[in-house]
């Protein structure tokens, strides 16, 4: 199964939003039998001047059985679930790390991701 992760920008008090996104993605995948959410959580950024590490983004890890259909589903469903601008869908295609980015004008698809 191809692995995909959804990277959602951090926001203060976004726990409800992040849970809504995760639950919505899980339900949409199940409805179409395209895969399943396997884990999720917060990823920490670098230490700040005070030494504290703050949440950099929320991550939703997904196993999919049809990458093309799953990407189309994510692009359709994430905005309706309240995904913020700069939400990213990361995946691998032909062994290249790729990313689709949700921007103010919609999705930019298939950009090669810097490693």
Protein backbone atom coordinates (compact mmCIF):
# COMPACT_ATOMS: atom_id res chain seq x y z
CA UNK A 1 0.00 0.00 0.00
CA UNK A 2 1.32 3.47 -0.80
CA UNK A 3 1.98 5.69 2.22
CA UNK A 4 0.78 9.30 2.30
CA UNK A 5 0.93 11.89 5.01
CA UNK A 6 -1.11 15.03 5.33
CA UNK A 7 0.72 17.96 6.91
CA UNK A 8 -1.61 20.56 8.46
CA UNK A 9 -0.16 23.91 9.60
CA UNK A 10 -0.18 24.45 13.35
CA UNK A 11 -2.60 26.94 14.86
CA UNK A 12 -3.40 27.89 18.42
CA UNK A 13 -6.25 25.87 19.87
CA UNK A 14 -6.60 23.78 16.70
CA UNK A 15 -7.25 20.46 18.45
CA UNK A 16 -10.89 20.34 17.36
CA UNK A 17 -10.02 21.29 13.77
CA UNK A 18 -7.28 18.67 13.60
CA UNK A 19 -9.56 15.96 15.01
CA UNK A 20 -12.28 16.94 12.53
CA UNK A 21 -9.79 16.66 9.66
CA UNK A 22 -8.53 13.28 10.83
CA UNK A 23 -12.03 11.86 11.37
CA UNK A 24 -13.25 13.26 8.04
CA UNK A 25 -10.30 11.83 6.11
CA UNK A 26 -10.76 8.44 7.80
CA UNK A 27 -14.47 8.38 6.96
CA UNK A 28 -13.97 9.49 3.34
CA UNK A 29 -11.29 6.81 2.81
CA UNK A 30 -13.52 4.14 4.38
CA UNK A 31 -16.55 5.19 2.34
CA UNK A 32 -14.65 4.70 -0.91
CA UNK A 33 -12.50 1.81 0.38
CA UNK A 34 -9.36 3.71 -0.58
CA UNK A 35 -7.35 3.09 2.58
CA UNK A 36 -7.13 4.03 6.23
CA UNK A 37 -5.64 6.52 8.67
CA UNK A 38 -2.89 4.66 10.53
CA UNK A 39 -1.74 7.38 12.94
CA UNK A 40 -1.77 11.09 13.61
CA UNK A 41 -0.33 13.63 15.96
CA UNK A 42 1.59 16.81 16.45
CA UNK A 43 5.12 17.29 15.18
CA UNK A 44 7.40 19.65 17.05
CA UNK A 45 9.54 22.33 15.45
CA UNK A 46 13.02 23.46 16.36
CA UNK A 47 13.75 24.93 19.77
CA UNK A 48 13.02 28.63 20.11
CA UNK A 49 15.15 31.23 21.88
CA UNK A 50 13.61 30.13 25.18
CA UNK A 51 14.50 26.49 24.47
CA UNK A 52 10.88 25.43 24.12
CA UNK A 53 9.76 23.38 21.14
CA UNK A 54 6.39 24.39 19.78
CA UNK A 55 4.02 22.43 17.58
CA UNK A 56 5.04 22.95 13.95
CA UNK A 57 2.22 21.00 12.32
CA UNK A 58 -0.37 18.26 12.73
CA UNK A 59 0.30 15.11 10.73
CA UNK A 60 -2.16 12.47 9.50
CA UNK A 61 -0.50 9.26 8.26
CA UNK A 62 -2.46 7.23 5.72
CA UNK A 63 -2.09 3.93 3.88
CA UNK A 64 -3.93 4.04 0.54
CA UNK A 65 -4.58 1.35 -2.04
CA UNK A 66 -4.96 3.74 -5.01
CA UNK A 67 -2.70 6.78 -4.84
CA UNK A 68 -4.30 8.69 -7.74
CA UNK A 69 -7.83 8.29 -6.37
CA UNK A 70 -6.75 9.05 -2.81
CA UNK A 71 -5.01 12.28 -3.86
CA UNK A 72 -8.14 13.36 -5.74
CA UNK A 73 -10.22 12.56 -2.66
CA UNK A 74 -7.93 14.56 -0.37
CA UNK A 75 -8.06 17.56 -2.70
CA UNK A 76 -11.84 17.41 -2.69
CA UNK A 77 -12.51 16.67 0.97
CA UNK A 78 -9.80 18.55 2.91
CA UNK A 79 -11.08 22.06 2.06
CA UNK A 80 -14.64 21.05 2.96
CA UNK A 81 -13.38 19.82 6.34
CA UNK A 82 -11.72 23.16 7.10
CA UNK A 83 -8.14 22.43 6.13
CA UNK A 84 -6.19 25.69 6.20
CA UNK A 85 -4.20 27.14 3.34
CA UNK A 86 -0.72 25.54 3.15
CA UNK A 87 -2.02 22.09 4.03
CA UNK A 88 0.20 19.59 2.20
CA UNK A 89 -0.29 16.02 0.96
CA UNK A 90 3.07 14.19 0.81
CA UNK A 91 3.62 11.00 -1.18
CA UNK A 92 6.16 9.20 -3.35
CA UNK A 93 5.86 8.76 -7.10
CA UNK A 94 8.48 6.86 -9.12
CA UNK A 95 10.67 6.97 -6.00
CA UNK A 96 10.55 10.76 -5.95
CA UNK A 97 9.18 12.60 -2.92
CA UNK A 98 6.20 14.67 -4.08
CA UNK A 99 3.80 17.15 -2.49
CA UNK A 100 0.42 18.67 -3.32
CA UNK A 101 -0.14 22.04 -1.62
CA UNK A 102 -3.47 23.70 -0.84
CA UNK A 103 -3.07 27.42 -1.53
CA UNK A 104 -5.37 30.45 -1.72
CA UNK A 105 -6.21 29.64 -5.36
CA UNK A 106 -6.64 25.89 -4.82
CA UNK A 107 -4.30 22.94 -5.14
CA UNK A 108 -0.85 22.84 -6.72
CA UNK A 109 -0.24 19.20 -7.55
CA UNK A 110 2.76 17.01 -8.04
CA UNK A 111 5.63 19.28 -7.08
CA UNK A 112 8.89 17.52 -6.28
CA UNK A 113 9.59 17.95 -2.60
CA UNK A 114 12.98 19.11 -1.38
CA UNK A 115 14.61 16.65 0.95
